[in-house]
C-alpha atoms as a PDB file:
ATOM      1  CA  MET A   1      11.298  24.128 -97.480  1.00  0.00           C
ATOM      2  CA  TYR A   2      12.463  24.693-101.068  1.00  0.00           C
ATOM      3  CA  GLY A   3      13.373  28.285-100.232  1.00  0.00           C
ATOM      4  CA  ALA A   4      15.504  27.210 -97.247  1.00  0.00           C
ATOM      5  CA  GLN A   5      18.378  26.469 -99.616  1.00  0.00           C
ATOM      6  CA  ILE A   6      18.875  30.247 -99.933  1.00  0.00           C
ATOM      7  CA  ALA A   7      20.663  29.966 -96.573  1.00  0.00           C
ATOM      8  CA  PHE A   8      23.411  27.951 -98.298  1.00  0.00           C
ATOM      9  CA  LYS A   9      23.703  30.223-101.342  1.00  0.00           C
ATOM     10  CA  ASP A  10      24.747  33.767-102.161  1.00  0.00           C
ATOM     11  CA  PHE A  11      21.254  34.666-103.353  1.00  0.00           C
ATOM     12  CA  ILE A  12      21.017  36.964-106.352  1.00  0.00           C
ATOM     13  CA  ALA A  13      17.453  37.942-107.242  1.00  0.00           C
ATOM     14  CA  VAL A  14      17.961  38.115-111.010  1.00  0.00           C
ATOM     15  CA  GLU A  15      19.587  34.669-111.028  1.00  0.00           C
ATOM     16  CA  GLY A  16      16.903  33.056-108.899  1.00  0.00           C
ATOM     17  CA  ILE A  17      17.406  30.357-106.272  1.00  0.00           C
ATOM     18  CA  THR A  18      18.793  27.699-108.606  1.00  0.00           C
ATOM     19  CA  GLY A  19      21.076  30.138-110.436  1.00  0.00           C
ATOM     20  CA  SER A  20      22.655  31.668-107.322  1.00  0.00           C
ATOM     21  CA  PRO A  21      26.131  30.382-106.375  1.00  0.00           C
ATOM     22  CA  TRP A  22      26.491  27.831-103.580  1.00  0.00           C
ATOM     23  CA  VAL A  23      28.484  29.010-100.533  1.00  0.00           C
ATOM     24  CA  GLY A  24      27.768  26.231 -98.018  1.00  0.00           C
ATOM     25  CA  PHE A  25      27.817  27.275 -94.368  1.00  0.00           C
ATOM     26  CA  GLU A  26      29.443  30.678 -94.887  1.00  0.00           C
ATOM     27  CA  HIS A  27      26.358  32.610 -93.727  1.00  0.00           C
ATOM     28  CA  PHE A  28      26.061  30.482 -90.604  1.00  0.00           C
ATOM     29  CA  LYS A  29      29.746  31.048 -89.782  1.00  0.00           C
ATOM     30  CA  ARG A  30      29.260  34.782 -90.289  1.00  0.00           C
ATOM     31  CA  PHE A  31      26.343  34.784 -87.849  1.00  0.00           C
ATOM     32  CA  PHE A  32      28.194  32.719 -85.230  1.00  0.00           C
ATOM     33  CA  ASN A  33      31.217  35.025 -85.432  1.00  0.00           C
ATOM     34  CA  SER A  34      29.232  38.264 -85.491  1.00  0.00           C
ATOM     35  CA  PHE A  35      29.314  40.846 -82.716  1.00  0.00           C
ATOM     36  CA  TYR A  36      25.556  40.449 -82.148  1.00  0.00           C
ATOM     37  CA  PHE A  37      25.466  36.641 -81.812  1.00  0.00           C
ATOM     38  CA  GLY A  38      25.897  36.437 -78.034  1.00  0.00           C
ATOM     39  CA  ARG A  39      23.441  39.232 -77.320  1.00  0.00           C
ATOM     40  CA  LEU A  40      20.809  37.838 -79.681  1.00  0.00           C
ATOM     41  CA  ILE A  41      20.974  34.320 -78.275  1.00  0.00           C
ATOM     42  CA  GLU A  42      20.991  35.547 -74.669  1.00  0.00           C
ATOM     43  CA  ASN A  43      18.046  37.932 -75.095  1.00  0.00           C
ATOM     44  CA  THR A  44      15.976  35.458 -77.105  1.00  0.00           C
ATOM     45  CA  LEU A  45      16.658  32.546 -74.763  1.00  0.00           C
ATOM     46  CA  VAL A  46      16.069  34.551 -71.566  1.00  0.00           C
ATOM     47  CA  ILE A  47      12.749  35.912 -72.849  1.00  0.00           C
ATOM     48  CA  GLY A  48      11.702  32.422 -73.981  1.00  0.00           C
ATOM     49  CA  LEU A  49      12.568  30.857 -70.609  1.00  0.00           C
ATOM     50  CA  TYR A  50      10.976  33.786 -68.753  1.00  0.00           C
ATOM     51  CA  GLU A  51       7.735  33.266 -70.707  1.00  0.00           C
ATOM     52  CA  LEU A  52       7.892  29.545 -69.977  1.00  0.00           C
ATOM     53  CA  ALA A  53       8.503  30.001 -66.242  1.00  0.00           C
ATOM     54  CA  VAL A  54       5.876  32.728 -65.724  1.00  0.00           C
ATOM     55  CA  GLY A  55       3.451  32.451 -68.613  1.00  0.00           C
ATOM     56  CA  PHE A  56       2.975  28.668 -68.647  1.00  0.00           C
ATOM     57  CA  PRO A  57       1.696  27.974 -65.087  1.00  0.00           C
ATOM     58  CA  ILE A  58      -0.560  31.044 -64.762  1.00  0.00           C
ATOM     59  CA  PRO A  59      -3.270  29.823 -67.224  1.00  0.00           C
ATOM     60  CA  ILE A  60      -3.329  26.505 -65.342  1.00  0.00           C
ATOM     61  CA  ILE A  61      -3.785  28.277 -62.002  1.00  0.00           C
ATOM     62  CA  LEU A  62      -6.444  30.545 -63.518  1.00  0.00           C
ATOM     63  CA  ALA A  63      -8.339  27.554 -64.939  1.00  0.00           C
ATOM     64  CA  LEU A  64      -8.249  25.772 -61.570  1.00  0.00           C
ATOM     65  CA  MET A  65      -9.545  28.907 -59.824  1.00  0.00           C
ATOM     66  CA  ILE A  66     -12.345  29.497 -62.345  1.00  0.00           C
ATOM     67  CA  ASN A  67     -13.327  25.835 -62.099  1.00  0.00           C
ATOM     68  CA  GLU A  68     -13.894  26.262 -58.368  1.00  0.00           C
ATOM     69  CA  VAL A  69     -16.282  29.202 -58.804  1.00  0.00           C
ATOM     70  CA  LYS A  70     -19.867  28.043 -58.240  1.00  0.00           C
ATOM     71  CA  ASN A  71     -21.677  31.308 -58.998  1.00  0.00           C
ATOM     72  CA  LYS A  72     -22.310  31.004 -62.747  1.00  0.00           C
ATOM     73  CA  ARG A  73     -22.853  34.741 -63.307  1.00  0.00           C
ATOM     74  CA  PHE A  74     -19.624  35.694 -61.536  1.00  0.00           C
ATOM     75  CA  LYS A  75     -17.830  32.895 -63.394  1.00  0.00           C
ATOM     76  CA  ARG A  76     -18.962  34.256 -66.777  1.00  0.00           C
ATOM     77  CA  ILE A  77     -17.843  37.770 -65.805  1.00  0.00           C
ATOM     78  CA  VAL A  78     -14.383  36.537 -64.801  1.00  0.00           C
ATOM     79  CA  GLN A  79     -14.039  34.534 -68.001  1.00  0.00           C
ATOM     80  CA  THR A  80     -15.085  37.499 -70.144  1.00  0.00           C
ATOM     81  CA  VAL A  81     -12.673  39.868 -68.397  1.00  0.00           C
ATOM     82  CA  THR A  82      -9.746  37.457 -68.712  1.00  0.00           C
ATOM     83  CA  TYR A  83     -10.532  36.458 -72.332  1.00  0.00           C
ATOM     84  CA  ALA A  84     -11.013  40.014 -73.618  1.00  0.00           C
ATOM     85  CA  PRO A  85      -7.327  41.087 -73.832  1.00  0.00           C
ATOM     86  CA  HIS A  86      -6.648  38.234 -76.264  1.00  0.00           C
ATOM     87  CA  PHE A  87      -8.669  40.066 -78.918  1.00  0.00           C
ATOM     88  CA  LEU A  88      -6.706  43.299 -78.606  1.00  0.00           C
ATOM     89  CA  SER A  89      -4.228  44.132 -81.338  1.00  0.00           C
ATOM     90  CA  ILE A  90      -0.538  43.990 -80.400  1.00  0.00           C
ATOM     91  CA  VAL A  91      -0.316  47.633 -81.474  1.00  0.00           C
ATOM     92  CA  VAL A  92      -3.066  48.556 -79.007  1.00  0.00           C
ATOM     93  CA  VAL A  93      -1.409  46.579 -76.189  1.00  0.00           C
ATOM     94  CA  VAL A  94       1.950  48.316 -76.718  1.00  0.00           C
ATOM     95  CA  ALA A  95       0.219  51.714 -76.934  1.00  0.00           C
ATOM     96  CA  LEU A  96      -1.448  50.992 -73.583  1.00  0.00           C
ATOM     97  CA  LEU A  97       1.937  50.076 -72.113  1.00  0.00           C
ATOM     98  CA  PHE A  98       3.397  53.410 -73.215  1.00  0.00           C
ATOM     99  CA  MET A  99       0.403  55.228 -71.725  1.00  0.00           C
ATOM    100  CA  PHE A 100       0.359  53.436 -68.364  1.00  0.00           C
ATOM    101  CA  LEU A 101       4.153  53.444 -67.937  1.00  0.00           C
ATOM    102  CA  SER A 102       4.853  56.983 -69.125  1.00  0.00           C
ATOM    103  CA  PRO A 103       7.278  58.830 -66.773  1.00  0.00           C
ATOM    104  CA  GLN A 104       5.106  61.982 -66.936  1.00  0.00           C
ATOM    105  CA  THR A 105       1.482  60.804 -67.097  1.00  0.00           C
ATOM    106  CA  GLY A 106       1.579  57.051 -66.503  1.00  0.00           C
ATOM    107  CA  ILE A 107      -0.606  55.630 -63.723  1.00  0.00           C
ATOM    108  CA  LEU A 108       2.198  53.518 -62.274  1.00  0.00           C
ATOM    109  CA  ASN A 109       4.633  56.428 -62.109  1.00  0.00           C
ATOM    110  CA  ASN A 110       1.967  58.659 -60.548  1.00  0.00           C
ATOM    111  CA  ILE A 111       1.625  56.078 -57.769  1.00  0.00           C
ATOM    112  CA  ILE A 112       5.415  55.906 -57.343  1.00  0.00           C
ATOM    113  CA  VAL A 113       5.662  59.704 -57.107  1.00  0.00           C
ATOM    114  CA  ALA A 114       2.721  59.832 -54.675  1.00  0.00           C
ATOM    115  CA  LEU A 115       4.605  57.403 -52.437  1.00  0.00           C
ATOM    116  CA  GLY A 116       7.657  59.644 -52.511  1.00  0.00           C
ATOM    117  CA  GLY A 117       9.672  57.907 -55.194  1.00  0.00           C
ATOM    118  CA  GLU A 118      11.193  59.080 -58.457  1.00  0.00           C
ATOM    119  CA  PRO A 119       9.478  58.381 -61.797  1.00  0.00           C
ATOM    120  CA  VAL A 120      10.948  55.471 -63.764  1.00  0.00           C
ATOM    121  CA  SER A 121      11.264  55.387 -67.541  1.00  0.00           C
ATOM    122  CA  PHE A 122      10.141  51.773 -67.829  1.00  0.00           C
ATOM    123  CA  MET A 123       9.965  51.643 -71.642  1.00  0.00           C
ATOM    124  CA  THR A 124      13.525  52.874 -72.172  1.00  0.00           C
ATOM    125  CA  GLU A 125      15.268  51.045 -69.324  1.00  0.00           C
ATOM    126  CA  PRO A 126      16.879  47.796 -70.596  1.00  0.00           C
ATOM    127  CA  ALA A 127      16.497  46.208 -67.158  1.00  0.00           C
ATOM    128  CA  TRP A 128      12.688  46.477 -67.355  1.00  0.00           C
ATOM    129  CA  PHE A 129      12.171  45.338 -70.954  1.00  0.00           C
ATOM    130  CA  LYS A 130      11.941  41.571 -70.437  1.00  0.00           C
ATOM    131  CA  THR A 131       9.669  41.846 -67.409  1.00  0.00           C
ATOM    132  CA  ILE A 132       7.280  44.242 -69.169  1.00  0.00           C
ATOM    133  CA  TYR A 133       7.259  42.085 -72.297  1.00  0.00           C
ATOM    134  CA  VAL A 134       6.506  38.847 -70.436  1.00  0.00           C
ATOM    135  CA  LEU A 135       3.981  40.182 -67.909  1.00  0.00           C
ATOM    136  CA  SER A 136       2.005  42.102 -70.542  1.00  0.00           C
ATOM    137  CA  GLY A 137       1.963  38.930 -72.641  1.00  0.00           C
ATOM    138  CA  VAL A 138       0.671  36.920 -69.686  1.00  0.00           C
ATOM    139  CA  TRP A 139      -2.080  39.482 -69.091  1.00  0.00           C
ATOM    140  CA  GLN A 140      -3.104  39.321 -72.741  1.00  0.00           C
ATOM    141  CA  THR A 141      -3.083  35.543 -73.205  1.00  0.00           C
ATOM    142  CA  MET A 142      -3.742  33.890 -69.845  1.00  0.00           C
ATOM    143  CA  GLY A 143      -7.536  33.861 -70.189  1.00  0.00           C
ATOM    144  CA  TRP A 144      -7.535  32.452 -73.696  1.00  0.00           C
ATOM    145  CA  SER A 145      -4.834  29.892 -72.829  1.00  0.00           C
ATOM    146  CA  SER A 146      -6.870  28.671 -69.855  1.00  0.00           C
ATOM    147  CA  ILE A 147      -9.734  27.501 -72.094  1.00  0.00           C
ATOM    148  CA  ILE A 148      -8.098  24.182 -72.965  1.00  0.00           C
ATOM    149  CA  TYR A 149      -7.461  23.441 -69.279  1.00  0.00           C
ATOM    150  CA  LEU A 150     -11.045  24.336 -68.389  1.00  0.00           C
ATOM    151  CA  ALA A 151     -12.200  21.919 -71.076  1.00  0.00           C
ATOM    152  CA  ALA A 152     -10.012  19.178 -69.569  1.00  0.00           C
ATOM    153  CA  LEU A 153     -11.310  19.958 -66.066  1.00  0.00           C
ATOM    154  CA  GLY A 154     -14.857  19.684 -67.386  1.00  0.00           C
ATOM    155  CA  GLY A 155     -14.217  16.030 -68.190  1.00  0.00           C
ATOM    156  CA  ILE A 156     -13.508  15.044 -64.580  1.00  0.00           C
ATOM    157  CA  ASP A 157     -16.109  12.766 -63.007  1.00  0.00           C
ATOM    158  CA  PRO A 158     -17.879  14.854 -60.286  1.00  0.00           C
ATOM    159  CA  GLN A 159     -18.315  11.683 -58.218  1.00  0.00           C
ATOM    160  CA  LEU A 160     -14.550  11.579 -57.607  1.00  0.00           C
ATOM    161  CA  GLN A 161     -14.615  15.074 -56.155  1.00  0.00           C
ATOM    162  CA  GLU A 162     -17.720  14.351 -54.084  1.00  0.00           C
ATOM    163  CA  ALA A 163     -16.163  11.165 -52.686  1.00  0.00           C
ATOM    164  CA  ALA A 164     -13.001  13.075 -51.740  1.00  0.00           C
ATOM    165  CA  LYS A 165     -15.036  15.763 -49.948  1.00  0.00           C
ATOM    166  CA  ILE A 166     -17.004  13.093 -48.051  1.00  0.00           C
ATOM    167  CA  ASP A 167     -13.684  11.623 -46.921  1.00  0.00           C
ATOM    168  CA  GLY A 168     -12.748  15.032 -45.504  1.00  0.00           C
ATOM    169  CA  ALA A 169     -10.523  16.375 -48.270  1.00  0.00           C
ATOM    170  CA  SER A 170     -10.179  20.151 -48.457  1.00  0.00           C
ATOM    171  CA  LYS A 171     -10.508  22.122 -51.713  1.00  0.00           C
ATOM    172  CA  LEU A 172      -6.735  22.301 -52.073  1.00  0.00           C
ATOM    173  CA  GLN A 173      -6.448  18.540 -51.559  1.00  0.00           C
ATOM    174  CA  VAL A 174      -9.130  17.907 -54.182  1.00  0.00           C
ATOM    175  CA  ILE A 175      -7.297  20.173 -56.628  1.00  0.00           C
ATOM    176  CA  TRP A 176      -3.926  18.560 -55.914  1.00  0.00           C
ATOM    177  CA  HIS A 177      -4.984  14.895 -55.854  1.00  0.00           C
ATOM    178  CA  ILE A 178      -7.863  14.853 -58.371  1.00  0.00           C
ATOM    179  CA  ASN A 179      -7.965  17.905 -60.645  1.00  0.00           C
ATOM    180  CA  LEU A 180      -4.259  18.240 -61.420  1.00  0.00           C
ATOM    181  CA  PRO A 181      -3.660  14.516 -62.107  1.00  0.00           C
ATOM    182  CA  ALA A 182      -6.725  14.526 -64.386  1.00  0.00           C
ATOM    183  CA  ILE A 183      -5.306  17.272 -66.593  1.00  0.00           C
ATOM    184  CA  LYS A 184      -1.654  16.167 -66.338  1.00  0.00           C
ATOM    185  CA  SER A 185      -1.514  14.848 -69.897  1.00  0.00           C
ATOM    186  CA  THR A 186      -2.926  18.125 -71.252  1.00  0.00           C
ATOM    187  CA  ILE A 187      -0.362  20.122 -69.259  1.00  0.00           C
ATOM    188  CA  ILE A 188       2.501  17.978 -70.581  1.00  0.00           C
ATOM    189  CA  ILE A 189       1.381  18.318 -74.210  1.00  0.00           C
ATOM    190  CA  MET A 190       1.101  22.106 -73.884  1.00  0.00           C
ATOM    191  CA  LEU A 191       4.518  22.224 -72.193  1.00  0.00           C
ATOM    192  CA  ILE A 192       6.105  20.274 -75.037  1.00  0.00           C
ATOM    193  CA  LEU A 193       4.584  22.624 -77.612  1.00  0.00           C
ATOM    194  CA  GLN A 194       5.753  25.730 -75.754  1.00  0.00           C
ATOM    195  CA  CYS A 195       9.264  24.337 -75.309  1.00  0.00           C
ATOM    196  CA  GLY A 196       9.345  23.738 -79.063  1.00  0.00           C
ATOM    197  CA  SER A 197       9.163  27.491 -79.641  1.00  0.00           C
ATOM    198  CA  ILE A 198      11.634  28.544 -76.946  1.00  0.00           C
ATOM    199  CA  LEU A 199      13.582  30.683 -79.436  1.00  0.00           C
ATOM    200  CA  GLY A 200      10.494  31.743 -81.358  1.00  0.00           C
ATOM    201  CA  VAL A 201      10.024  35.079 -79.598  1.00  0.00           C
ATOM    202  CA  GLY A 202       7.447  37.038 -81.599  1.00  0.00           C
ATOM    203  CA  PHE A 203       8.637  39.881 -83.795  1.00  0.00           C
ATOM    204  CA  GLU A 204       5.746  42.368 -83.719  1.00  0.00           C
ATOM    205  CA  LYS A 205       5.577  43.144 -80.019  1.00  0.00           C
ATOM    206  CA  VAL A 206       9.356  43.278 -79.537  1.00  0.00           C
ATOM    207  CA  PHE A 207       9.707  45.565 -82.547  1.00  0.00           C
ATOM    208  CA  LEU A 208       7.007  47.921 -81.299  1.00  0.00           C
ATOM    209  CA  MET A 209       8.512  48.098 -77.814  1.00  0.00           C
ATOM    210  CA  GLN A 210      12.074  48.421 -79.066  1.00  0.00           C
ATOM    211  CA  ASN A 211      14.018  51.685 -79.129  1.00  0.00           C
ATOM    212  CA  SER A 212      17.645  52.737 -79.202  1.00  0.00           C
ATOM    213  CA  LEU A 213      17.811  53.011 -75.403  1.00  0.00           C
ATOM    214  CA  ASN A 214      16.638  49.456 -74.610  1.00  0.00           C
ATOM    215  CA  MET A 215      18.273  47.765 -77.622  1.00  0.00           C
ATOM    216  CA  GLU A 216      20.758  45.799 -75.540  1.00  0.00           C
ATOM    217  CA  ALA A 217      17.874  43.953 -73.848  1.00  0.00           C
ATOM    218  CA  SER A 218      15.292  43.959 -76.668  1.00  0.00           C
ATOM    219  CA  ASP A 219      17.372  42.871 -79.660  1.00  0.00           C
ATOM    220  CA  VAL A 220      16.314  39.289 -80.457  1.00  0.00           C
ATOM    221  CA  ILE A 221      16.757  36.950 -83.406  1.00  0.00           C
ATOM    222  CA  ALA A 222      13.482  38.029 -85.036  1.00  0.00           C
ATOM    223  CA  THR A 223      14.332  41.744 -85.022  1.00  0.00           C
ATOM    224  CA  HIS A 224      17.871  41.051 -86.259  1.00  0.00           C
ATOM    225  CA  VAL A 225      16.444  39.037 -89.164  1.00  0.00           C
ATOM    226  CA  TYR A 226      14.157  41.971 -89.981  1.00  0.00           C
ATOM    227  CA  ARG A 227      17.020  44.466 -90.017  1.00  0.00           C
ATOM    228  CA  THR A 228      19.352  42.312 -92.085  1.00  0.00           C
ATOM    229  CA  GLY A 229      16.790  40.663 -94.363  1.00  0.00           C
ATOM    230  CA  ILE A 230      14.115  43.279 -95.007  1.00  0.00           C
ATOM    231  CA  ILE A 231      15.995  46.524 -94.446  1.00  0.00           C
ATOM    232  CA  GLY A 232      19.496  45.362 -95.407  1.00  0.00           C
ATOM    233  CA  SER A 233      18.369  43.042 -98.242  1.00  0.00           C
ATOM    234  CA  GLN A 234      20.777  40.326 -97.038  1.00  0.00           C
ATOM    235  CA  TYR A 235      18.376  37.533 -97.911  1.00  0.00           C
ATOM    236  CA  SER A 236      20.759  34.582 -97.658  1.00  0.00           C
ATOM    237  CA  TYR A 237      22.205  35.706 -94.332  1.00  0.00           C
ATOM    238  CA  SER A 238      18.792  36.346 -92.758  1.00  0.00           C
ATOM    239  CA  THR A 239      17.480  33.010 -94.080  1.00  0.00           C
ATOM    240  CA  ALA A 240      20.438  31.251 -92.459  1.00  0.00           C
ATOM    241  CA  ILE A 241      19.612  32.885 -89.115  1.00  0.00           C
ATOM    242  CA  GLY A 242      15.953  31.902 -89.404  1.00  0.00           C
ATOM    243  CA  LEU A 243      16.899  28.324 -90.335  1.00  0.00           C
ATOM    244  CA  PHE A 244      19.268  28.143 -87.360  1.00  0.00           C
ATOM    245  CA  GLU A 245      16.438  29.243 -85.041  1.00  0.00           C
ATOM    246  CA  SER A 246      14.046  26.652 -86.498  1.00  0.00           C
ATOM    247  CA  VAL A 247      16.585  23.833 -86.169  1.00  0.00           C
ATOM    248  CA  ILE A 248      17.281  24.665 -82.510  1.00  0.00           C
ATOM    249  CA  ASN A 249      13.550  24.794 -81.749  1.00  0.00           C
ATOM    250  CA  PHE A 250      13.079  21.438 -83.496  1.00  0.00           C
ATOM    251  CA  ILE A 251      15.895  19.836 -81.500  1.00  0.00           C
ATOM    252  CA  VAL A 252      14.479  21.178 -78.229  1.00  0.00           C
ATOM    253  CA  LEU A 253      11.025  19.844 -79.197  1.00  0.00           C
ATOM    254  CA  ILE A 254      12.427  16.357 -79.846  1.00  0.00           C
ATOM    255  CA  ILE A 255      14.383  16.322 -76.569  1.00  0.00           C
ATOM    256  CA  VAL A 256      11.458  17.518 -74.418  1.00  0.00           C
ATOM    257  CA  ASN A 257       9.066  15.114 -76.178  1.00  0.00           C
ATOM    258  CA  TYR A 258      11.471  12.214 -75.541  1.00  0.00           C
ATOM    259  CA  MET A 259      11.848  13.131 -71.864  1.00  0.00           C
ATOM    260  CA  ALA A 260       8.074  13.447 -71.409  1.00  0.00           C
ATOM    261  CA  ARG A 261       7.526  10.045 -73.017  1.00  0.00           C
ATOM    262  CA  LYS A 262      10.147   8.411 -70.793  1.00  0.00           C
ATOM    263  CA  ILE A 263       9.037  10.027 -67.540  1.00  0.00           C
ATOM    264  CA  ASN A 264       5.244  10.336 -67.846  1.00  0.00           C
ATOM    265  CA  LYS A 265       4.379   8.132 -70.860  1.00  0.00           C
ATOM    266  CA  VAL A 266       2.751  11.177 -72.486  1.00  0.00           C
ATOM    267  CA  SER A 267       4.104  12.743 -75.685  1.00  0.00           C
ATOM    268  CA  LEU A 268       3.227  14.184 -79.071  1.00  0.00           C
ATOM    269  CA  TRP A 269       4.435  11.020 -80.794  1.00  0.00           C
END
């Protein structure tokens, strides 16, 4: 936190943090008035909400489905297959995306051409960037993210499920009326944590997928900070942008935590 004061100073390396002149909110004003501000906020927020809407419920659904599998061998195979992508490097995942989505040799484009369509340059089309980013992220993390829900499901008393089945409840009714309510508090806590990083779109994957053709859809706060801070050596300006992102995430976390406590009596604090 000591270094955060660089955001309010015109940082000069030879003078150090304490010796650099104080400029107040000048760097924040510059960011708010910049040409890129609207695009950065829109792209970052849309990707964050897209990940929340698609990426959050899928691990829950996967955990509920795996929990219903009775064949232990098949269950272990499914878990292994869904967990494995988590251990792949981001570089490897993006390389696979370029291979599978290549207009010339990609599997998906070969299928499109075989069906009579025209090949699509998925990795350079701005309209496809957010969908590819989110869905590939879901594929990579859904298995690992489902572990905590499987652990919560493992704590459910089997007698409740047996009693429901004796009373004539179907599998869907058991899931809806017993399993989901039992893991509701876990779901809410995970939702609060994910909402607290709504603007925290990761840098590495976006940077690796980014190119000059999809820049209008792929330019987010993290990549802008990299260009201005690391490449452009504008340390104070980039620190101000990073601090702005952290403050917004913190405010969102407090609001969502407050709402969860008021509505469901479950919260982080």
